[in-house]
Amino acid sequence: MTLIAPTLQELFTRRLIGERMASPHTVASYRDTFKILFTYLAGSTGKAPSQLDFEDLNAITISGFLTHLETDRGVTASTRNTRLAALRCLFKYASYNHPEHAELIARVLAIPSKRTKRPLVTFLTTREIDALLAAPDRSRWTGRRDHALLVLAIQTGLRVSEITALRSADINTNRPAHLRVFGKGRKERVTPLSKHSVVTMRAWTDERGGSQADAVFPSASEQALGRDAIRKLVVKHAHAAAAACPSLAGKQIGVHTLRHTP
């Protein structure tokens, strides 16, 4: 067996999960990076993942892989940098365990990230908030769910990952009303709820029912809404709200917009 396989396994089991307690999203992102890399190397070198050694992952090969991501797979510079971050994590970990490959590792770690343009993130005005909250059809179950989700997102500024992970036990509508989440970097955060949010969430959680471990915002299949589903519902309701508030038509509305609105 070559050195890559045991080093990669230790990176996931010992470093990411055991020491850094990385989130499932981070672990999945790193896993996907190496799956794509090994597929690329199998096509370019004919070697299976179990046959790869550090000499097969030199700076020239890694640079070629990053170029492949942009030219052949059509990823953005931001995604390219995310993949590079996962590779750097492997080589930084390997640098302490395999100093005999120090020069090769140093060359890979020297590969720079690409500069990216950061889009301007706007926020909603009071009129735009009112129009957006009025957009869901509250005569339907899904409309009442979407309305409650929008109210909570706008008032608390939760990240989309925090919304998807929210469970009934995390919300307290009694005094002092608040919600508790584990945010980015596994940081625990307690956020107070406004009177309007308390009324909305109390009505929704009463209708939602279920156990304390159930997702606050489920799909029709009772599973927690995913990131894409939340993104789509925000865009859908923003498009509908533009009829009553034309200023929304000129904005790109997403969950991050709601996060900046408070």
Protein backbone atom coordinates (compact mmCIF):
# COMPACT_ATOMS: atom_id res chain seq x y z
CA MET A 1 0.00 0.00 0.00
CA THR A 2 1.26 3.49 -0.83
CA LEU A 3 1.41 6.41 1.62
CA ILE A 4 -1.54 8.36 0.18
CA ALA A 5 -4.28 5.94 1.27
CA PRO A 6 -3.41 5.74 5.01
CA THR A 7 -2.61 9.46 5.15
CA LEU A 8 -5.94 10.36 3.60
CA GLN A 9 -7.82 8.04 5.97
CA GLU A 10 -6.05 9.58 8.97
CA LEU A 11 -6.90 13.07 7.68
CA PHE A 12 -10.62 12.27 7.78
CA THR A 13 -10.84 10.08 10.88
CA ARG A 14 -8.21 11.64 13.13
CA ARG A 15 -7.73 15.21 11.95
CA LEU A 16 -11.10 16.37 10.59
CA ILE A 17 -13.52 14.34 12.72
CA GLY A 18 -11.46 13.54 15.82
CA GLU A 19 -9.46 16.73 16.37
CA ARG A 20 -11.14 19.55 14.47
CA MET A 21 -14.69 18.16 14.85
CA ALA A 22 -15.42 19.39 11.33
CA SER A 23 -19.06 19.75 10.34
CA PRO A 24 -20.70 17.15 8.06
CA HIS A 25 -20.76 19.79 5.29
CA THR A 26 -16.98 20.26 5.51
CA VAL A 27 -16.32 16.52 5.56
CA ALA A 28 -18.59 16.01 2.55
CA SER A 29 -16.88 18.84 0.65
CA TYR A 30 -13.42 17.36 1.28
CA ARG A 31 -14.66 13.90 0.32
CA ASP A 32 -16.03 15.18 -2.98
CA THR A 33 -12.75 16.96 -3.73
CA PHE A 34 -10.74 13.76 -3.46
CA LYS A 35 -13.33 11.76 -5.42
CA ILE A 36 -13.03 14.22 -8.30
CA LEU A 37 -9.23 14.26 -8.01
CA PHE A 38 -8.93 10.47 -8.10
CA THR A 39 -11.26 10.27 -11.11
CA TYR A 40 -9.11 12.87 -12.89
CA LEU A 41 -5.89 10.99 -12.06
CA ALA A 42 -7.34 7.66 -13.15
CA GLY A 43 -8.03 9.17 -16.56
CA SER A 44 -4.68 10.96 -16.89
CA THR A 45 -2.33 8.38 -15.34
CA GLY A 46 -4.31 5.15 -15.43
CA LYS A 47 -3.60 4.57 -11.72
CA ALA A 48 -6.20 3.50 -9.20
CA PRO A 49 -6.43 5.51 -5.93
CA SER A 50 -4.72 2.69 -4.00
CA GLN A 51 -1.70 2.94 -6.33
CA LEU A 52 -1.10 6.67 -5.92
CA ASP A 53 1.92 8.00 -4.04
CA PHE A 54 3.10 11.52 -3.25
CA GLU A 55 5.14 11.65 -6.47
CA ASP A 56 1.84 11.33 -8.36
CA LEU A 57 0.48 14.41 -6.56
CA ASN A 58 3.19 16.94 -7.28
CA ALA A 59 2.56 20.65 -7.89
CA ILE A 60 2.34 20.21 -11.68
CA THR A 61 -0.32 17.51 -11.33
CA ILE A 62 -2.34 19.48 -8.78
CA SER A 63 -2.16 22.63 -10.96
CA GLY A 64 -3.38 20.57 -13.91
CA PHE A 65 -6.26 19.28 -11.80
CA LEU A 66 -7.28 22.81 -10.82
CA THR A 67 -7.18 23.88 -14.47
CA HIS A 68 -9.31 20.84 -15.34
CA LEU A 69 -11.91 21.94 -12.80
CA GLU A 70 -12.28 25.35 -14.44
CA THR A 71 -11.95 24.44 -18.12
CA ASP A 72 -13.55 20.99 -18.31
CA ARG A 73 -15.97 21.00 -15.38
CA GLY A 74 -16.81 24.71 -15.64
CA VAL A 75 -16.53 25.53 -11.93
CA THR A 76 -16.11 29.07 -10.67
CA ALA A 77 -12.89 30.44 -9.21
CA SER A 78 -14.53 30.28 -5.79
CA THR A 79 -15.23 26.55 -6.13
CA ARG A 80 -11.71 26.02 -7.45
CA ASN A 81 -10.36 27.69 -4.29
CA THR A 82 -12.57 25.48 -2.12
CA ARG A 83 -11.12 22.36 -3.75
CA LEU A 84 -7.61 23.73 -3.31
CA ALA A 85 -8.28 24.32 0.40
CA ALA A 86 -9.14 20.63 0.83
CA LEU A 87 -5.93 19.60 -0.93
CA ARG A 88 -3.88 21.98 1.21
CA CYS A 89 -5.39 20.42 4.32
CA LEU A 90 -4.12 16.99 3.21
CA PHE A 91 -0.62 18.24 2.42
CA LYS A 92 -0.34 20.28 5.63
CA TYR A 93 -1.28 17.17 7.59
CA ALA A 94 1.19 15.08 5.58
CA SER A 95 4.02 17.57 6.18
CA TYR A 96 4.16 16.56 9.86
CA ASN A 97 4.02 12.82 9.19
CA HIS A 98 6.10 12.47 6.03
CA PRO A 99 8.98 14.96 6.18
CA GLU A 100 10.80 12.92 3.52
CA HIS A 101 8.42 14.58 1.02
CA ALA A 102 8.89 18.08 2.43
CA GLU A 103 9.99 19.71 -0.84
CA LEU A 104 7.13 18.23 -2.88
CA ILE A 105 4.63 19.21 -0.19
CA ALA A 106 6.01 22.76 0.01
CA ARG A 107 5.58 23.21 -3.74
CA VAL A 108 1.93 22.12 -3.57
CA LEU A 109 1.23 24.37 -0.60
CA ALA A 110 2.70 27.28 -2.58
CA ILE A 111 -0.02 27.04 -5.25
CA PRO A 112 -1.95 30.31 -4.85
CA SER A 113 -5.69 30.76 -4.60
CA LYS A 114 -7.38 32.73 -7.33
CA ARG A 115 -8.70 36.17 -6.60
CA THR A 116 -12.45 36.35 -6.88
CA LYS A 117 -14.95 39.16 -7.09
CA ARG A 118 -17.24 39.39 -4.12
CA PRO A 119 -20.76 40.37 -5.15
CA LEU A 120 -22.42 43.21 -3.30
CA VAL A 121 -24.84 41.83 -0.72
CA THR A 122 -27.84 44.09 -0.23
CA PHE A 123 -30.58 44.17 2.39
CA LEU A 124 -34.34 44.63 2.34
CA THR A 125 -36.16 47.82 3.25
CA THR A 126 -39.20 47.80 5.51
CA ARG A 127 -41.54 47.99 2.51
CA GLU A 128 -39.72 45.13 0.78
CA ILE A 129 -39.87 43.01 3.94
CA ASP A 130 -43.63 43.53 4.20
CA ALA A 131 -44.10 42.57 0.54
CA LEU A 132 -41.96 39.45 0.89
CA LEU A 133 -43.74 38.27 4.05
CA ALA A 134 -47.11 38.79 2.36
CA ALA A 135 -46.13 36.72 -0.70
CA PRO A 136 -46.67 33.15 0.65
CA ASP A 137 -50.22 31.83 0.31
CA ARG A 138 -51.09 31.27 3.97
CA SER A 139 -54.29 29.42 3.11
CA ARG A 140 -51.99 26.47 2.36
CA TRP A 141 -49.76 24.51 4.74
CA THR A 142 -46.64 25.17 2.67
CA GLY A 143 -47.44 28.89 2.58
CA ARG A 144 -47.69 29.09 6.36
CA ARG A 145 -44.41 27.19 6.64
CA ASP A 146 -42.68 29.53 4.19
CA HIS A 147 -44.06 32.59 5.95
CA ALA A 148 -42.73 31.39 9.31
CA LEU A 149 -39.35 30.60 7.77
CA LEU A 150 -39.07 34.05 6.19
CA VAL A 151 -40.08 35.79 9.43
CA LEU A 152 -37.49 33.86 11.42
CA ALA A 153 -34.72 34.36 8.84
CA ILE A 154 -35.31 38.09 8.54
CA GLN A 155 -35.49 38.71 12.29
CA THR A 156 -32.61 36.48 13.43
CA GLY A 157 -30.22 36.51 10.45
CA LEU A 158 -29.72 32.73 10.60
CA ARG A 159 -27.48 31.06 8.02
CA VAL A 160 -29.18 28.62 5.67
CA SER A 161 -27.28 25.74 7.32
CA GLU A 162 -28.66 26.85 10.69
CA ILE A 163 -32.21 26.94 9.32
CA THR A 164 -31.96 23.44 7.87
CA ALA A 165 -30.59 22.11 11.18
CA LEU A 166 -33.21 23.83 13.35
CA ARG A 167 -35.28 21.44 15.49
CA SER A 168 -38.38 22.10 17.59
CA ALA A 169 -36.35 21.74 20.79
CA ASP A 170 -34.17 24.67 19.69
CA ILE A 171 -37.03 27.20 19.83
CA ASN A 172 -38.46 28.60 23.06
CA THR A 173 -41.48 30.88 22.62
CA ASN A 174 -41.92 31.40 26.37
CA ARG A 175 -40.23 34.23 28.23
CA PRO A 176 -37.44 34.91 27.53
CA ALA A 177 -38.22 33.88 23.95
CA HIS A 178 -35.16 32.73 22.03
CA LEU A 179 -33.70 30.10 19.76
CA ARG A 180 -30.46 28.16 20.13
CA VAL A 181 -28.32 27.07 17.19
CA PHE A 182 -24.88 25.67 16.49
CA GLY A 183 -23.49 27.91 13.80
CA LYS A 184 -20.39 28.02 11.65
CA GLY A 185 -17.35 26.59 13.40
CA ARG A 186 -19.64 24.71 15.82
CA LYS A 187 -20.24 27.91 17.75
CA GLU A 188 -23.33 27.81 19.94
CA ARG A 189 -25.48 30.92 19.60
CA VAL A 190 -28.62 32.06 21.42
CA THR A 191 -30.73 34.66 19.63
CA PRO A 192 -33.70 36.50 21.18
CA LEU A 193 -37.01 36.48 19.32
CA SER A 194 -39.14 39.56 18.70
CA LYS A 195 -42.83 39.66 19.62
CA HIS A 196 -43.82 39.24 15.97
CA SER A 197 -41.53 36.23 15.60
CA VAL A 198 -42.88 34.69 18.81
CA VAL A 199 -46.49 34.95 17.60
CA THR A 200 -45.59 33.54 14.18
CA MET A 201 -43.43 30.69 15.46
CA ARG A 202 -45.84 29.74 18.23
CA ALA A 203 -48.65 29.39 15.68
CA TRP A 204 -46.43 27.44 13.30
CA THR A 205 -44.94 25.05 15.88
CA ASP A 206 -48.42 24.34 17.26
CA GLU A 207 -49.57 23.44 13.75
CA ARG A 208 -46.34 21.59 13.00
CA GLY A 209 -46.70 19.32 16.02
CA GLY A 210 -44.44 16.29 16.19
CA SER A 211 -41.60 15.63 18.59
CA GLN A 212 -38.92 17.97 19.88
CA ALA A 213 -36.39 16.28 17.57
CA ASP A 214 -38.38 17.06 14.39
CA ALA A 215 -37.24 19.67 11.88
CA VAL A 216 -38.98 23.02 12.33
CA PHE A 217 -39.33 23.49 8.57
CA PRO A 218 -40.06 20.12 6.92
CA SER A 219 -40.85 19.14 3.37
CA ALA A 220 -43.96 17.20 2.41
CA SER A 221 -42.02 14.01 3.21
CA GLU A 222 -41.39 15.26 6.79
CA GLN A 223 -37.65 15.65 6.14
CA ALA A 224 -35.91 18.95 6.86
CA LEU A 225 -35.90 21.35 3.93
CA GLY A 226 -32.54 21.32 2.17
CA ARG A 227 -30.39 24.28 1.19
CA ASP A 228 -31.60 24.25 -2.42
CA ALA A 229 -35.25 24.03 -1.38
CA ILE A 230 -34.90 27.06 0.90
CA ARG A 231 -33.04 29.01 -1.76
CA LYS A 232 -35.77 28.27 -4.31
CA LEU A 233 -38.62 29.26 -2.00
CA VAL A 234 -36.94 32.57 -1.15
CA VAL A 235 -36.45 33.34 -4.85
CA LYS A 236 -40.02 32.28 -5.66
CA HIS A 237 -41.61 34.49 -3.03
CA ALA A 238 -39.31 37.41 -3.86
CA HIS A 239 -40.42 37.17 -7.49
CA ALA A 240 -44.09 37.14 -6.43
CA ALA A 241 -43.54 40.05 -4.02
CA ALA A 242 -42.05 42.18 -6.83
CA ALA A 243 -45.58 42.71 -8.20
CA ALA A 244 -46.50 44.65 -5.04
CA CYS A 245 -43.04 46.16 -4.48
CA PRO A 246 -41.27 46.93 -7.80
CA SER A 247 -37.94 47.67 -6.08
CA LEU A 248 -37.57 43.94 -5.43
CA ALA A 249 -37.44 43.29 -9.16
CA GLY A 250 -34.05 44.95 -9.38
CA LYS A 251 -32.47 42.91 -6.59
CA GLN A 252 -31.03 39.44 -6.44
CA ILE A 253 -32.76 38.09 -3.35
CA GLY A 254 -31.34 35.07 -1.57
CA VAL A 255 -31.00 33.69 1.94
CA HIS A 256 -27.85 35.78 2.40
CA THR A 257 -29.92 38.88 1.68
CA LEU A 258 -32.22 37.96 4.55
CA ARG A 259 -29.19 37.39 6.76
CA HIS A 260 -28.01 40.97 6.13
CA THR A 261 -31.45 42.51 6.62
CA PRO A 262 -31.57 42.53 10.47
